[in-house]
Full PDB file with SEQRES, HELIX, SHEET, SSBOND, CRYST1, ORIGX, SCALE, CONECT and MASTER records, all heavy atoms in Angstrom:
SEQRES   1 A   37  SER ASN PRO LYS TYR SER ALA LYS THR LYS LEU ALA THR          
SEQRES   2 A   37  VAL GLY LEU ASN SER TYR VAL ARG ARG ALA MET LEU ASN          
SEQRES   3 A   37  ALA THR ASN ASP THR MET GLN ALA GLN PHE LYS                  
HELIX    1 AA1 LEU A   11  VAL A   14  5                                   4    
HELIX    2 AA2 SER A   18  ALA A   23  1                                   6    
HELIX    3 AA3 LEU A   25  PHE A   36  1                                  12    
CRYST1    1.000    1.000    1.000  90.00  90.00  90.00 P 1           1          
ORIGX1      1.000000  0.000000  0.000000        0.00000                         
ORIGX2      0.000000  1.000000  0.000000        0.00000                         
ORIGX3      0.000000  0.000000  1.000000        0.00000                         
SCALE1      1.000000  0.000000  0.000000        0.00000                         
SCALE2      0.000000  1.000000  0.000000        0.00000                         
SCALE3      0.000000  0.000000  1.000000        0.00000                         
ATOM      1  N   SER A   1    -130.091   7.224  32.238  1.00  0.00           N  
ATOM      2  CA  SER A   1    -128.817   7.825  31.843  1.00  0.00           C  
ATOM      3  C   SER A   1    -128.011   6.933  30.897  1.00  0.00           C  
ATOM      4  O   SER A   1    -127.290   7.430  30.046  1.00  0.00           O  
ATOM      5  CB  SER A   1    -127.977   8.155  33.080  1.00  0.00           C  
ATOM      6  OG  SER A   1    -127.713   6.966  33.808  1.00  0.00           O  
ATOM      7  N   ASN A   2    -128.125   5.630  31.016  1.00  0.00           N  
ATOM      8  CA  ASN A   2    -127.374   4.709  30.169  1.00  0.00           C  
ATOM      9  C   ASN A   2    -128.161   3.399  30.045  1.00  0.00           C  
ATOM     10  O   ASN A   2    -127.781   2.390  30.619  1.00  0.00           O  
ATOM     11  CB  ASN A   2    -125.977   4.460  30.756  1.00  0.00           C  
ATOM     12  CG  ASN A   2    -125.109   3.664  29.818  1.00  0.00           C  
ATOM     13  OD1 ASN A   2    -125.363   3.605  28.616  1.00  0.00           O  
ATOM     14  ND2 ASN A   2    -124.092   3.039  30.363  1.00  0.00           N  
ATOM     15  N   PRO A   3    -129.250   3.430  29.267  1.00  0.00           N  
ATOM     16  CA  PRO A   3    -130.112   2.250  29.206  1.00  0.00           C  
ATOM     17  C   PRO A   3    -129.430   1.053  28.558  1.00  0.00           C  
ATOM     18  O   PRO A   3    -128.583   1.204  27.682  1.00  0.00           O  
ATOM     19  CB  PRO A   3    -131.299   2.723  28.367  1.00  0.00           C  
ATOM     20  CG  PRO A   3    -130.783   3.855  27.567  1.00  0.00           C  
ATOM     21  CD  PRO A   3    -129.715   4.495  28.400  1.00  0.00           C  
ATOM     22  N   LYS A   4    -129.804  -0.126  29.017  1.00  0.00           N  
ATOM     23  CA  LYS A   4    -129.278  -1.351  28.431  1.00  0.00           C  
ATOM     24  C   LYS A   4    -129.713  -1.457  26.974  1.00  0.00           C  
ATOM     25  O   LYS A   4    -128.932  -1.839  26.109  1.00  0.00           O  
ATOM     26  CB  LYS A   4    -129.754  -2.557  29.236  1.00  0.00           C  
ATOM     27  CG  LYS A   4    -129.154  -3.858  28.791  1.00  0.00           C  
ATOM     28  CD  LYS A   4    -129.457  -4.974  29.761  1.00  0.00           C  
ATOM     29  CE  LYS A   4    -128.715  -6.237  29.345  1.00  0.00           C  
ATOM     30  NZ  LYS A   4    -128.909  -7.310  30.312  1.00  0.00           N  
ATOM     31  N   TYR A   5    -130.982  -1.131  26.704  1.00  0.00           N  
ATOM     32  CA  TYR A   5    -131.518  -1.120  25.343  1.00  0.00           C  
ATOM     33  C   TYR A   5    -132.228   0.203  25.102  1.00  0.00           C  
ATOM     34  O   TYR A   5    -132.886   0.728  25.988  1.00  0.00           O  
ATOM     35  CB  TYR A   5    -132.502  -2.274  25.127  1.00  0.00           C  
ATOM     36  CG  TYR A   5    -131.898  -3.616  25.425  1.00  0.00           C  
ATOM     37  CD1 TYR A   5    -132.285  -4.340  26.545  1.00  0.00           C  
ATOM     38  CD2 TYR A   5    -130.911  -4.156  24.606  1.00  0.00           C  
ATOM     39  CE1 TYR A   5    -131.721  -5.565  26.830  1.00  0.00           C  
ATOM     40  CE2 TYR A   5    -130.331  -5.373  24.895  1.00  0.00           C  
ATOM     41  CZ  TYR A   5    -130.739  -6.079  26.003  1.00  0.00           C  
ATOM     42  OH  TYR A   5    -130.167  -7.291  26.292  1.00  0.00           O  
ATOM     43  N   SER A   6    -132.099   0.708  23.878  1.00  0.00           N  
ATOM     44  CA  SER A   6    -132.749   1.968  23.517  1.00  0.00           C  
ATOM     45  C   SER A   6    -133.137   1.896  22.044  1.00  0.00           C  
ATOM     46  O   SER A   6    -132.916   0.888  21.375  1.00  0.00           O  
ATOM     47  CB  SER A   6    -131.796   3.144  23.751  1.00  0.00           C  
ATOM     48  OG  SER A   6    -130.752   3.128  22.782  1.00  0.00           O  
ATOM     49  N   ALA A   7    -133.667   2.994  21.528  1.00  0.00           N  
ATOM     50  CA  ALA A   7    -134.046   3.065  20.117  1.00  0.00           C  
ATOM     51  C   ALA A   7    -132.842   2.839  19.204  1.00  0.00           C  
ATOM     52  O   ALA A   7    -132.993   2.378  18.079  1.00  0.00           O  
ATOM     53  CB  ALA A   7    -134.688   4.415  19.824  1.00  0.00           C  
ATOM     54  N   LYS A   8    -131.657   3.130  19.692  1.00  0.00           N  
ATOM     55  CA  LYS A   8    -130.443   2.983  18.882  1.00  0.00           C  
ATOM     56  C   LYS A   8    -129.885   1.558  18.872  1.00  0.00           C  
ATOM     57  O   LYS A   8    -128.972   1.256  18.116  1.00  0.00           O  
ATOM     58  CB  LYS A   8    -129.368   3.938  19.388  1.00  0.00           C  
ATOM     59  CG  LYS A   8    -129.751   5.391  19.215  1.00  0.00           C  
ATOM     60  CD  LYS A   8    -128.699   6.296  19.794  1.00  0.00           C  
ATOM     61  CE  LYS A   8    -129.147   7.748  19.681  1.00  0.00           C  
ATOM     62  NZ  LYS A   8    -128.215   8.661  20.321  1.00  0.00           N  
ATOM     63  N   THR A   9    -130.430   0.680  19.701  1.00  0.00           N  
ATOM     64  CA  THR A   9    -129.944  -0.701  19.772  1.00  0.00           C  
ATOM     65  C   THR A   9    -130.159  -1.400  18.439  1.00  0.00           C  
ATOM     66  O   THR A   9    -131.285  -1.464  17.936  1.00  0.00           O  
ATOM     67  CB  THR A   9    -130.660  -1.482  20.890  1.00  0.00           C  
ATOM     68  OG1 THR A   9    -130.453  -0.824  22.137  1.00  0.00           O  
ATOM     69  CG2 THR A   9    -130.147  -2.916  20.981  1.00  0.00           C  
ATOM     70  N   LYS A  10    -129.083  -1.907  17.866  1.00  0.00           N  
ATOM     71  CA  LYS A  10    -129.164  -2.649  16.612  1.00  0.00           C  
ATOM     72  C   LYS A  10    -129.855  -3.982  16.868  1.00  0.00           C  
ATOM     73  O   LYS A  10    -129.512  -4.701  17.806  1.00  0.00           O  
ATOM     74  CB  LYS A  10    -127.770  -2.890  16.023  1.00  0.00           C  
ATOM     75  CG  LYS A  10    -127.050  -1.616  15.630  1.00  0.00           C  
ATOM     76  CD  LYS A  10    -127.735  -0.965  14.459  1.00  0.00           C  
ATOM     77  CE  LYS A  10    -126.972   0.254  13.988  1.00  0.00           C  
ATOM     78  NZ  LYS A  10    -127.740   1.047  13.040  1.00  0.00           N  
ATOM     79  N   LEU A  11    -130.827  -4.307  16.052  1.00  0.00           N  
ATOM     80  CA  LEU A  11    -131.594  -5.531  16.249  1.00  0.00           C  
ATOM     81  C   LEU A  11    -130.724  -6.778  16.124  1.00  0.00           C  
ATOM     82  O   LEU A  11    -130.940  -7.757  16.830  1.00  0.00           O  
ATOM     83  CB  LEU A  11    -132.772  -5.574  15.284  1.00  0.00           C  
ATOM     84  CG  LEU A  11    -133.856  -4.528  15.576  1.00  0.00           C  
ATOM     85  CD1 LEU A  11    -134.884  -4.495  14.460  1.00  0.00           C  
ATOM     86  CD2 LEU A  11    -134.526  -4.807  16.904  1.00  0.00           C  
ATOM     87  N   ALA A  12    -129.728  -6.740  15.263  1.00  0.00           N  
ATOM     88  CA  ALA A  12    -128.847  -7.902  15.105  1.00  0.00           C  
ATOM     89  C   ALA A  12    -128.096  -8.214  16.397  1.00  0.00           C  
ATOM     90  O   ALA A  12    -127.791  -9.379  16.671  1.00  0.00           O  
ATOM     91  CB  ALA A  12    -127.869  -7.669  13.964  1.00  0.00           C  
ATOM     92  N   THR A  13    -127.841  -7.197  17.229  1.00  0.00           N  
ATOM     93  CA  THR A  13    -127.105  -7.437  18.478  1.00  0.00           C  
ATOM     94  C   THR A  13    -127.954  -8.150  19.533  1.00  0.00           C  
ATOM     95  O   THR A  13    -127.414  -8.653  20.502  1.00  0.00           O  
ATOM     96  CB  THR A  13    -126.549  -6.128  19.084  1.00  0.00           C  
ATOM     97  OG1 THR A  13    -127.633  -5.287  19.485  1.00  0.00           O  
ATOM     98  CG2 THR A  13    -125.637  -5.405  18.111  1.00  0.00           C  
ATOM     99  N   VAL A  14    -129.256  -8.180  19.328  1.00  0.00           N  
ATOM    100  CA  VAL A  14    -130.143  -8.896  20.258  1.00  0.00           C  
ATOM    101  C   VAL A  14    -130.708 -10.163  19.608  1.00  0.00           C  
ATOM    102  O   VAL A  14    -131.706 -10.712  20.064  1.00  0.00           O  
ATOM    103  CB  VAL A  14    -131.267  -7.988  20.814  1.00  0.00           C  
ATOM    104  CG1 VAL A  14    -130.697  -6.873  21.665  1.00  0.00           C  
ATOM    105  CG2 VAL A  14    -132.150  -7.449  19.700  1.00  0.00           C  
ATOM    106  N   GLY A  15    -130.068 -10.601  18.543  1.00  0.00           N  
ATOM    107  CA  GLY A  15    -130.461 -11.848  17.894  1.00  0.00           C  
ATOM    108  C   GLY A  15    -131.538 -11.717  16.836  1.00  0.00           C  
ATOM    109  O   GLY A  15    -132.104 -12.718  16.397  1.00  0.00           O  
ATOM    110  N   LEU A  16    -131.850 -10.482  16.431  1.00  0.00           N  
ATOM    111  CA  LEU A  16    -132.898 -10.268  15.438  1.00  0.00           C  
ATOM    112  C   LEU A  16    -132.283  -9.770  14.131  1.00  0.00           C  
ATOM    113  O   LEU A  16    -132.487  -8.623  13.718  1.00  0.00           O  
ATOM    114  CB  LEU A  16    -133.939  -9.280  15.963  1.00  0.00           C  
ATOM    115  CG  LEU A  16    -134.652  -9.698  17.247  1.00  0.00           C  
ATOM    116  CD1 LEU A  16    -135.553  -8.585  17.754  1.00  0.00           C  
ATOM    117  CD2 LEU A  16    -135.445 -10.970  17.031  1.00  0.00           C  
ATOM    118  N   ASN A  17    -131.529 -10.646  13.471  1.00  0.00           N  
ATOM    119  CA  ASN A  17    -130.927 -10.249  12.197  1.00  0.00           C  
ATOM    120  C   ASN A  17    -132.009 -10.197  11.112  1.00  0.00           C  
ATOM    121  O   ASN A  17    -133.178 -10.489  11.372  1.00  0.00           O  
ATOM    122  CB  ASN A  17    -129.784 -11.202  11.819  1.00  0.00           C  
ATOM    123  CG  ASN A  17    -130.246 -12.623  11.634  1.00  0.00           C  
ATOM    124  OD1 ASN A  17    -131.363 -12.885  11.189  1.00  0.00           O  
ATOM    125  ND2 ASN A  17    -129.391 -13.571  11.989  1.00  0.00           N  
ATOM    126  N   SER A  18    -131.626  -9.847   9.907  1.00  0.00           N  
ATOM    127  CA  SER A  18    -132.618  -9.659   8.841  1.00  0.00           C  
ATOM    128  C   SER A  18    -133.384 -10.946   8.533  1.00  0.00           C  
ATOM    129  O   SER A  18    -134.559 -10.899   8.179  1.00  0.00           O  
ATOM    130  CB  SER A  18    -131.955  -9.118   7.578  1.00  0.00           C  
ATOM    131  OG  SER A  18    -131.014 -10.038   7.068  1.00  0.00           O  
ATOM    132  N   TYR A  19    -132.760 -12.093   8.678  1.00  0.00           N  
ATOM    133  CA  TYR A  19    -133.449 -13.367   8.426  1.00  0.00           C  
ATOM    134  C   TYR A  19    -134.540 -13.616   9.470  1.00  0.00           C  
ATOM    135  O   TYR A  19    -135.631 -14.089   9.139  1.00  0.00           O  
ATOM    136  CB  TYR A  19    -132.453 -14.531   8.423  1.00  0.00           C  
ATOM    137  CG  TYR A  19    -131.386 -14.379   7.368  1.00  0.00           C  
ATOM    138  CD1 TYR A  19    -130.083 -14.073   7.717  1.00  0.00           C  
ATOM    139  CD2 TYR A  19    -131.694 -14.512   6.014  1.00  0.00           C  
ATOM    140  CE1 TYR A  19    -129.100 -13.913   6.754  1.00  0.00           C  
ATOM    141  CE2 TYR A  19    -130.718 -14.353   5.040  1.00  0.00           C  
ATOM    142  CZ  TYR A  19    -129.427 -14.056   5.415  1.00  0.00           C  
ATOM    143  OH  TYR A  19    -128.470 -13.892   4.460  1.00  0.00           O  
ATOM    144  N   VAL A  20    -134.233 -13.317  10.706  1.00  0.00           N  
ATOM    145  CA  VAL A  20    -135.228 -13.481  11.780  1.00  0.00           C  
ATOM    146  C   VAL A  20    -136.360 -12.492  11.570  1.00  0.00           C  
ATOM    147  O   VAL A  20    -137.544 -12.850  11.676  1.00  0.00           O  
ATOM    148  CB  VAL A  20    -134.588 -13.297  13.177  1.00  0.00           C  
ATOM    149  CG1 VAL A  20    -135.644 -13.331  14.276  1.00  0.00           C  
ATOM    150  CG2 VAL A  20    -133.519 -14.351  13.429  1.00  0.00           C  
ATOM    151  N   ARG A  21    -136.028 -11.242  11.267  1.00  0.00           N  
ATOM    152  CA  ARG A  21    -137.074 -10.237  11.048  1.00  0.00           C  
ATOM    153  C   ARG A  21    -137.978 -10.626   9.883  1.00  0.00           C  
ATOM    154  O   ARG A  21    -139.191 -10.436   9.945  1.00  0.00           O  
ATOM    155  CB  ARG A  21    -136.449  -8.856  10.838  1.00  0.00           C  
ATOM    156  CG  ARG A  21    -135.758  -8.337  12.081  1.00  0.00           C  
ATOM    157  CD  ARG A  21    -135.390  -6.880  12.004  1.00  0.00           C  
ATOM    158  NE  ARG A  21    -134.596  -6.465  10.869  1.00  0.00           N  
ATOM    159  CZ  ARG A  21    -133.267  -6.506  10.812  1.00  0.00           C  
ATOM    160  NH1 ARG A  21    -132.563  -6.996  11.828  1.00  0.00           N  
ATOM    161  NH2 ARG A  21    -132.633  -6.061   9.749  1.00  0.00           N  
ATOM    162  N   ARG A  22    -137.396 -11.202   8.851  1.00  0.00           N  
ATOM    163  CA  ARG A  22    -138.207 -11.656   7.710  1.00  0.00           C  
ATOM    164  C   ARG A  22    -139.176 -12.755   8.163  1.00  0.00           C  
ATOM    165  O   ARG A  22    -140.329 -12.784   7.756  1.00  0.00           O  
ATOM    166  CB  ARG A  22    -137.290 -12.160   6.602  1.00  0.00           C  
ATOM    167  CG  ARG A  22    -138.037 -12.588   5.376  1.00  0.00           C  
ATOM    168  CD  ARG A  22    -137.165 -12.989   4.237  1.00  0.00           C  
ATOM    169  NE  ARG A  22    -135.813 -13.298   4.657  1.00  0.00           N  
ATOM    170  CZ  ARG A  22    -134.845 -13.679   3.844  1.00  0.00           C  
ATOM    171  NH1 ARG A  22    -135.084 -13.804   2.566  1.00  0.00           N  
ATOM    172  NH2 ARG A  22    -133.646 -13.947   4.293  1.00  0.00           N  
ATOM    173  N   ALA A  23    -138.703 -13.643   9.024  1.00  0.00           N  
ATOM    174  CA  ALA A  23    -139.549 -14.735   9.530  1.00  0.00           C  
ATOM    175  C   ALA A  23    -140.639 -14.234  10.472  1.00  0.00           C  
ATOM    176  O   ALA A  23    -141.617 -14.948  10.728  1.00  0.00           O  
ATOM    177  CB  ALA A  23    -138.685 -15.770  10.234  1.00  0.00           C  
ATOM    178  N   MET A  24    -140.496 -13.020  10.983  1.00  0.00           N  
ATOM    179  CA  MET A  24    -141.476 -12.438  11.907  1.00  0.00           C  
ATOM    180  C   MET A  24    -142.686 -11.847  11.191  1.00  0.00           C  
ATOM    181  O   MET A  24    -143.598 -11.337  11.837  1.00  0.00           O  
ATOM    182  CB  MET A  24    -140.810 -11.321  12.734  1.00  0.00           C  
ATOM    183  CG  MET A  24    -139.787 -11.790  13.725  1.00  0.00           C  
ATOM    184  SD  MET A  24    -138.848 -10.426  14.480  1.00  0.00           S  
ATOM    185  CE  MET A  24    -140.139  -9.368  15.127  1.00  0.00           C  
ATOM    186  N   LEU A  25    -142.730 -11.908   9.871  1.00  0.00           N  
ATOM    187  CA  LEU A  25    -143.763 -11.232   9.097  1.00  0.00           C  
ATOM    188  C   LEU A  25    -145.178 -11.563   9.561  1.00  0.00           C  
ATOM    189  O   LEU A  25    -145.943 -10.668   9.928  1.00  0.00           O  
ATOM    190  CB  LEU A  25    -143.612 -11.548   7.604  1.00  0.00           C  
ATOM    191  CG  LEU A  25    -144.676 -10.944   6.695  1.00  0.00           C  
ATOM    192  CD1 LEU A  25    -144.551  -9.423   6.680  1.00  0.00           C  
ATOM    193  CD2 LEU A  25    -144.562 -11.505   5.301  1.00  0.00           C  
ATOM    194  N   ASN A  26    -145.551 -12.827   9.548  1.00  0.00           N  
ATOM    195  CA  ASN A  26    -146.926 -13.199   9.905  1.00  0.00           C  
ATOM    196  C   ASN A  26    -147.244 -12.852  11.354  1.00  0.00           C  
ATOM    197  O   ASN A  26    -148.320 -12.326  11.649  1.00  0.00           O  
ATOM    198  CB  ASN A  26    -147.166 -14.685   9.649  1.00  0.00           C  
ATOM    199  CG  ASN A  26    -147.194 -14.998   8.166  1.00  0.00           C  
ATOM    200  OD1 ASN A  26    -147.446 -14.135   7.346  1.00  0.00           O  
ATOM    201  ND2 ASN A  26    -146.914 -16.245   7.830  1.00  0.00           N  
ATOM    202  N   ALA A  27    -146.320 -13.134  12.245  1.00  0.00           N  
ATOM    203  CA  ALA A  27    -146.561 -12.839  13.661  1.00  0.00           C  
ATOM    204  C   ALA A  27    -146.697 -11.342  13.907  1.00  0.00           C  
ATOM    205  O   ALA A  27    -147.534 -10.915  14.707  1.00  0.00           O  
ATOM    206  CB  ALA A  27    -145.433 -13.406  14.511  1.00  0.00           C  
ATOM    207  N   THR A  28    -145.874 -10.561  13.228  1.00  0.00           N  
ATOM    208  CA  THR A  28    -145.962  -9.102  13.384  1.00  0.00           C  
ATOM    209  C   THR A  28    -147.323  -8.607  12.922  1.00  0.00           C  
ATOM    210  O   THR A  28    -148.010  -7.869  13.642  1.00  0.00           O  
ATOM    211  CB  THR A  28    -144.844  -8.403  12.588  1.00  0.00           C  
ATOM    212  OG1 THR A  28    -143.579  -8.828  13.103  1.00  0.00           O  
ATOM    213  CG2 THR A  28    -144.954  -6.887  12.696  1.00  0.00           C  
ATOM    214  N   ASN A  29    -147.731  -9.022  11.733  1.00  0.00           N  
ATOM    215  CA  ASN A  29    -149.025  -8.577  11.218  1.00  0.00           C  
ATOM    216  C   ASN A  29    -150.176  -9.079  12.084  1.00  0.00           C  
ATOM    217  O   ASN A  29    -151.101  -8.320  12.383  1.00  0.00           O  
ATOM    218  CB  ASN A  29    -149.200  -9.020   9.763  1.00  0.00           C  
ATOM    219  CG  ASN A  29    -148.430  -8.130   8.811  1.00  0.00           C  
ATOM    220  OD1 ASN A  29    -148.400  -6.916   8.958  1.00  0.00           O  
ATOM    221  ND2 ASN A  29    -147.782  -8.734   7.838  1.00  0.00           N  
ATOM    222  N   ASP A  30    -150.128 -10.330  12.518  1.00  0.00           N  
ATOM    223  CA  ASP A  30    -151.198 -10.885  13.356  1.00  0.00           C  
ATOM    224  C   ASP A  30    -151.283 -10.180  14.707  1.00  0.00           C  
ATOM    225  O   ASP A  30    -152.365  -9.833  15.181  1.00  0.00           O  
ATOM    226  CB  ASP A  30    -150.997 -12.385  13.575  1.00  0.00           C  
ATOM    227  CG  ASP A  30    -151.208 -13.204  12.317  1.00  0.00           C  
ATOM    228  OD1 ASP A  30    -151.727 -12.662  11.312  1.00  0.00           O  
ATOM    229  OD2 ASP A  30    -150.825 -14.402  12.330  1.00  0.00           O  
ATOM    230  N   THR A  31    -150.123  -9.970  15.333  1.00  0.00           N  
ATOM    231  CA  THR A  31    -150.080  -9.327  16.653  1.00  0.00           C  
ATOM    232  C   THR A  31    -150.596  -7.898  16.589  1.00  0.00           C  
ATOM    233  O   THR A  31    -151.420  -7.482  17.402  1.00  0.00           O  
ATOM    234  CB  THR A  31    -148.643  -9.340  17.208  1.00  0.00           C  
ATOM    235  OG1 THR A  31    -148.222 -10.701  17.348  1.00  0.00           O  
ATOM    236  CG2 THR A  31    -148.553  -8.629  18.541  1.00  0.00           C  
ATOM    237  N   MET A  32    -150.112  -7.153  15.625  1.00  0.00           N  
ATOM    238  CA  MET A  32    -150.519  -5.746  15.519  1.00  0.00           C  
ATOM    239  C   MET A  32    -151.974  -5.611  15.075  1.00  0.00           C  
ATOM    240  O   MET A  32    -152.689  -4.727  15.539  1.00  0.00           O  
ATOM    241  CB  MET A  32    -149.582  -4.992  14.580  1.00  0.00           C  
ATOM    242  CG  MET A  32    -148.175  -4.878  15.118  1.00  0.00           C  
ATOM    243  SD  MET A  32    -148.158  -4.073  16.748  1.00  0.00           S  
ATOM    244  CE  MET A  32    -146.421  -3.958  17.049  1.00  0.00           C  
ATOM    245  N   GLN A  33    -152.429  -6.514  14.214  1.00  0.00           N  
ATOM    246  CA  GLN A  33    -153.838  -6.502  13.796  1.00  0.00           C  
ATOM    247  C   GLN A  33    -154.746  -6.769  14.993  1.00  0.00           C  
ATOM    248  O   GLN A  33    -155.770  -6.111  15.174  1.00  0.00           O  
ATOM    249  CB  GLN A  33    -154.074  -7.562  12.719  1.00  0.00           C  
ATOM    250  CG  GLN A  33    -155.509  -7.655  12.265  1.00  0.00           C  
ATOM    251  CD  GLN A  33    -155.936  -6.480  11.431  1.00  0.00           C  
ATOM    252  OE1 GLN A  33    -155.220  -6.091  10.519  1.00  0.00           O  
ATOM    253  NE2 GLN A  33    -157.076  -5.902  11.728  1.00  0.00           N  
ATOM    254  N   ALA A  34    -154.345  -7.716  15.834  1.00  0.00           N  
ATOM    255  CA  ALA A  34    -155.149  -8.049  17.016  1.00  0.00           C  
ATOM    256  C   ALA A  34    -155.216  -6.871  17.989  1.00  0.00           C  
ATOM    257  O   ALA A  34    -156.257  -6.635  18.603  1.00  0.00           O  
ATOM    258  CB  ALA A  34    -154.569  -9.277  17.716  1.00  0.00           C  
ATOM    259  N   GLN A  35    -154.132  -6.136  18.123  1.00  0.00           N  
ATOM    260  CA  GLN A  35    -154.107  -5.039  19.089  1.00  0.00           C  
ATOM    261  C   GLN A  35    -154.659  -3.731  18.546  1.00  0.00           C  
ATOM    262  O   GLN A  35    -155.271  -2.965  19.273  1.00  0.00           O  
ATOM    263  CB  GLN A  35    -152.677  -4.816  19.585  1.00  0.00           C  
ATOM    264  CG  GLN A  35    -152.201  -5.940  20.465  1.00  0.00           C  
ATOM    265  CD  GLN A  35    -150.866  -5.641  21.101  1.00  0.00           C  
ATOM    266  OE1 GLN A  35    -150.550  -4.494  21.394  1.00  0.00           O  
ATOM    267  NE2 GLN A  35    -150.080  -6.670  21.322  1.00  0.00           N  
ATOM    268  N   PHE A  36    -154.415  -3.469  17.250  1.00  0.00           N  
ATOM    269  CA  PHE A  36    -154.775  -2.154  16.708  1.00  0.00           C  
ATOM    270  C   PHE A  36    -155.894  -2.211  15.671  1.00  0.00           C  
ATOM    271  O   PHE A  36    -156.200  -1.209  15.032  1.00  0.00           O  
ATOM    272  CB  PHE A  36    -153.524  -1.457  16.174  1.00  0.00           C  
ATOM    273  CG  PHE A  36    -152.538  -1.188  17.277  1.00  0.00           C  
ATOM    274  CD1 PHE A  36    -151.479  -2.062  17.503  1.00  0.00           C  
ATOM    275  CD2 PHE A  36    -152.712  -0.132  18.142  1.00  0.00           C  
ATOM    276  CE1 PHE A  36    -150.594  -1.849  18.549  1.00  0.00           C  
ATOM    277  CE2 PHE A  36    -151.837   0.090  19.192  1.00  0.00           C  
ATOM    278  CZ  PHE A  36    -150.783  -0.778  19.396  1.00  0.00           C  
ATOM    279  N   LYS A  37    -156.481  -3.390  15.529  1.00  0.00           N  
ATOM    280  CA  LYS A  37    -157.683  -3.622  14.712  1.00  0.00           C  
ATOM    281  C   LYS A  37    -157.583  -2.997  13.320  1.00  0.00           C  
ATOM    282  O   LYS A  37    -156.611  -3.182  12.629  1.00  0.00           O  
ATOM    283  CB  LYS A  37    -158.940  -3.122  15.436  1.00  0.00           C  
ATOM    284  CG  LYS A  37    -159.068  -3.575  16.859  1.00  0.00           C  
ATOM    285  CD  LYS A  37    -159.365  -5.044  16.956  1.00  0.00           C  
ATOM    286  CE  LYS A  37    -159.588  -5.414  18.417  1.00  0.00           C  
ATOM    287  NZ  LYS A  37    -158.946  -6.630  18.784  1.00  0.00           N  
TER     288      LYS A  37                                                      
MASTER        0    0    0    3    0    0    0    6  287    1    0    3          
END                                                                             
């Protein structure tokens, strides 16, 4: 009824601003490649 986090949660409010997301590039690609081949 009132989730703490949802699809509407702004990433910056959880510490994932655009600079952090940019730094996540390699890890995102590596993680998803490992899981989804």
